[in-house]
Protein backbone atom coordinates (compact mmCIF):
# COMPACT_ATOMS: atom_id res chain seq x y z
CA MET A 1 17.62 3.58 23.11
CA ARG A 2 16.37 5.00 19.83
CA ARG A 3 12.70 4.63 18.95
CA ARG A 4 13.65 2.57 15.86
CA ASP A 5 15.47 0.06 18.07
CA GLN A 6 12.48 -0.14 20.42
CA ARG A 7 10.18 -0.89 17.46
CA ARG A 8 12.51 -3.64 16.26
CA GLU A 9 12.63 -5.09 19.74
CA ALA A 10 8.82 -5.27 19.76
CA VAL A 11 8.83 -6.86 16.29
CA PHE A 12 11.29 -9.56 17.36
CA ALA A 13 9.39 -10.28 20.58
CA LEU A 14 6.16 -10.68 18.60
CA TYR A 15 7.98 -12.88 16.09
CA GLN A 16 9.30 -15.14 18.89
CA HIS A 17 5.88 -15.23 20.51
CA ASP A 18 4.28 -16.19 17.19
CA LEU A 19 6.83 -18.92 16.43
CA THR A 20 7.22 -20.49 19.86
CA GLY A 21 3.89 -19.79 21.51
CA GLN A 22 5.72 -18.59 24.61
CA PRO A 23 4.02 -15.83 26.59
CA LEU A 24 4.65 -12.38 25.14
CA ASP A 25 6.21 -11.11 28.36
CA ALA A 26 8.72 -13.99 28.22
CA ALA A 27 9.71 -12.91 24.69
CA LEU A 28 10.31 -9.32 25.82
CA ARG A 29 13.52 -8.39 27.57
CA ARG A 30 13.03 -7.71 31.25
CA ASP A 31 14.32 -4.17 30.78
CA ALA A 32 12.25 -3.47 27.65
CA SER A 33 11.13 0.14 27.42
CA PRO A 34 7.52 1.15 28.10
CA PHE A 35 7.20 1.98 24.38
CA THR A 36 8.41 -1.49 23.33
CA ARG A 37 6.02 -3.14 25.79
CA ALA A 38 3.11 -0.94 24.64
CA LEU A 39 3.76 -1.84 21.00
CA ALA A 40 3.99 -5.57 21.68
CA HIS A 41 0.96 -5.71 23.96
CA GLY A 42 -1.01 -3.34 21.72
CA VAL A 43 -0.44 -5.67 18.77
CA SER A 44 -1.45 -8.65 20.88
CA GLU A 45 -4.65 -6.93 22.06
CA ARG A 46 -5.62 -5.66 18.59
CA ARG A 47 -4.36 -8.61 16.57
CA ALA A 48 -7.75 -9.44 15.00
CA GLU A 49 -8.20 -5.85 13.77
CA LEU A 50 -4.63 -5.65 12.43
CA ASP A 51 -4.77 -9.07 10.79
CA ALA A 52 -8.06 -8.24 9.07
CA LEU A 53 -6.42 -5.18 7.49
CA ILE A 54 -3.39 -7.22 6.43
CA GLU A 55 -5.55 -9.91 4.86
CA ARG A 56 -7.63 -7.35 2.94
CA HIS A 57 -4.54 -5.78 1.42
CA ALA A 58 -2.12 -8.70 1.01
CA ARG A 59 -3.32 -9.60 -2.45
CA ASP A 60 -3.38 -13.33 -3.07
CA TRP A 61 -1.71 -14.01 0.29
CA SER A 62 -3.48 -15.50 3.27
CA LEU A 63 -2.14 -14.44 6.64
CA ASP A 64 -0.63 -17.85 7.35
CA ARG A 65 1.41 -17.68 4.10
CA ILE A 66 3.09 -14.42 5.13
CA ALA A 67 6.44 -15.03 6.81
CA PRO A 68 6.18 -14.62 10.60
CA LEU A 69 8.73 -11.80 10.74
CA GLU A 70 6.93 -9.89 8.00
CA ARG A 71 3.61 -10.36 9.84
CA ALA A 72 5.17 -8.90 13.00
CA ILE A 73 6.57 -5.94 11.05
CA LEU A 74 3.18 -5.28 9.45
CA ARG A 75 1.33 -5.56 12.75
CA VAL A 76 3.63 -3.13 14.58
CA ALA A 77 3.46 -0.58 11.76
CA LEU A 78 -0.33 -0.83 11.55
CA LEU A 79 -0.67 -0.40 15.30
CA GLU A 80 1.37 2.80 15.14
CA MET A 81 -0.57 4.02 12.11
CA LEU A 82 -3.97 3.39 13.68
CA HIS A 83 -3.37 3.80 17.41
CA GLY A 84 -0.12 5.74 17.72
CA ASP A 85 -1.81 8.37 19.86
CA GLU A 86 -2.43 5.69 22.52
CA LEU A 87 1.25 4.74 22.84
CA PRO A 88 3.65 6.18 25.43
CA ALA A 89 5.61 8.42 23.08
CA GLU A 90 6.41 12.10 23.16
CA GLU A 91 4.78 12.45 19.77
CA PRO A 92 3.16 9.77 17.58
CA ILE A 93 4.98 8.96 14.37
CA PRO A 94 3.15 9.99 11.19
CA ALA A 95 1.67 7.08 9.24
CA GLU A 96 4.21 7.54 6.46
CA GLY A 97 6.99 7.35 9.05
CA ALA A 98 5.61 4.05 10.38
CA ILE A 99 5.61 2.70 6.82
CA ASP A 100 9.20 3.86 6.22
CA GLU A 101 10.35 2.23 9.47
CA ALA A 102 8.62 -1.03 8.54
CA VAL A 103 10.15 -1.06 5.07
CA GLU A 104 13.62 -0.39 6.48
CA THR A 105 13.22 -3.24 8.98
CA ALA A 106 12.08 -5.56 6.18
CA LYS A 107 15.08 -4.52 4.05
CA ARG A 108 17.46 -5.35 6.85
CA PHE A 109 15.98 -8.59 8.18
CA CYS A 110 13.73 -10.19 5.53
CA SER A 111 13.88 -11.53 1.99
CA VAL A 112 14.58 -9.30 -0.99
CA ASP A 113 10.86 -9.17 -1.89
CA ALA A 114 9.67 -8.30 1.62
CA PRO A 115 10.19 -4.50 1.55
CA GLY A 116 7.98 -4.08 -1.52
CA PHE A 117 5.34 -6.38 -0.06
CA VAL A 118 5.36 -4.55 3.30
CA ASN A 119 5.19 -1.17 1.56
CA GLY A 120 2.30 -2.30 -0.67
CA VAL A 121 0.21 -3.73 2.16
CA LEU A 122 0.77 -0.76 4.47
CA GLY A 123 0.20 1.79 1.70
CA ALA A 124 -3.10 0.16 0.73
CA ALA A 125 -4.17 -0.04 4.38
CA LEU A 126 -3.35 3.64 4.86
CA ARG A 127 -5.42 4.59 1.81
CA GLU A 128 -8.36 2.58 3.19
CA VAL A 129 -8.11 4.18 6.62
CA ARG A 130 -7.88 7.70 5.17
CA GLU A 131 -10.81 7.06 2.83
CA ASN A 132 -12.89 5.80 5.77
CA GLN A 133 -11.98 8.91 7.74
CA ARG A 134 -13.10 11.14 4.86
CA THR A 135 -16.41 9.37 4.39
CA HIS A 136 -17.21 8.75 8.07
CA GLY A 137 -15.17 11.56 9.47
C-alpha cells in the first residue's frame, strides 16, 4: 500500500474516533500498516501539542469550529512535520511534502475552501517551527 493511502487511512480512523468516540484501535483496520498505526497513535498522544499549533494559526477559527475531517488532516500533517523522524518509515517526508499530501487529501474529501485553509494553517505552523529552530537552534 502506498504511503499516501496509509496516511489517508490514519486520517479517516482519527476522524471516526473523533466523531464517534470509539477507541482508536477500533477505528483502525485490523490489518493497518505499522505506519498507519504510528500516525494515528502519534496524533492521539500528541493531540494537545498539535491542536495548540492549529489554534494559533487557524485565524478566527476555534478548534471546535474546524470540520472534523479537516482537523484530522491537519493533525496528521503536523505530526509528520514535527515528529516524522519518530515514525516507522524508510525516510521521513519533508515538511513541504506533508503539506502537499494534506492539501491533496483536503481537495479530494473536503469542501472547496478546505485546501486553502489547510495549506494556510500548515504553512504558518511550518514558518513558526522553523523560526523557533533558528532562534533556539
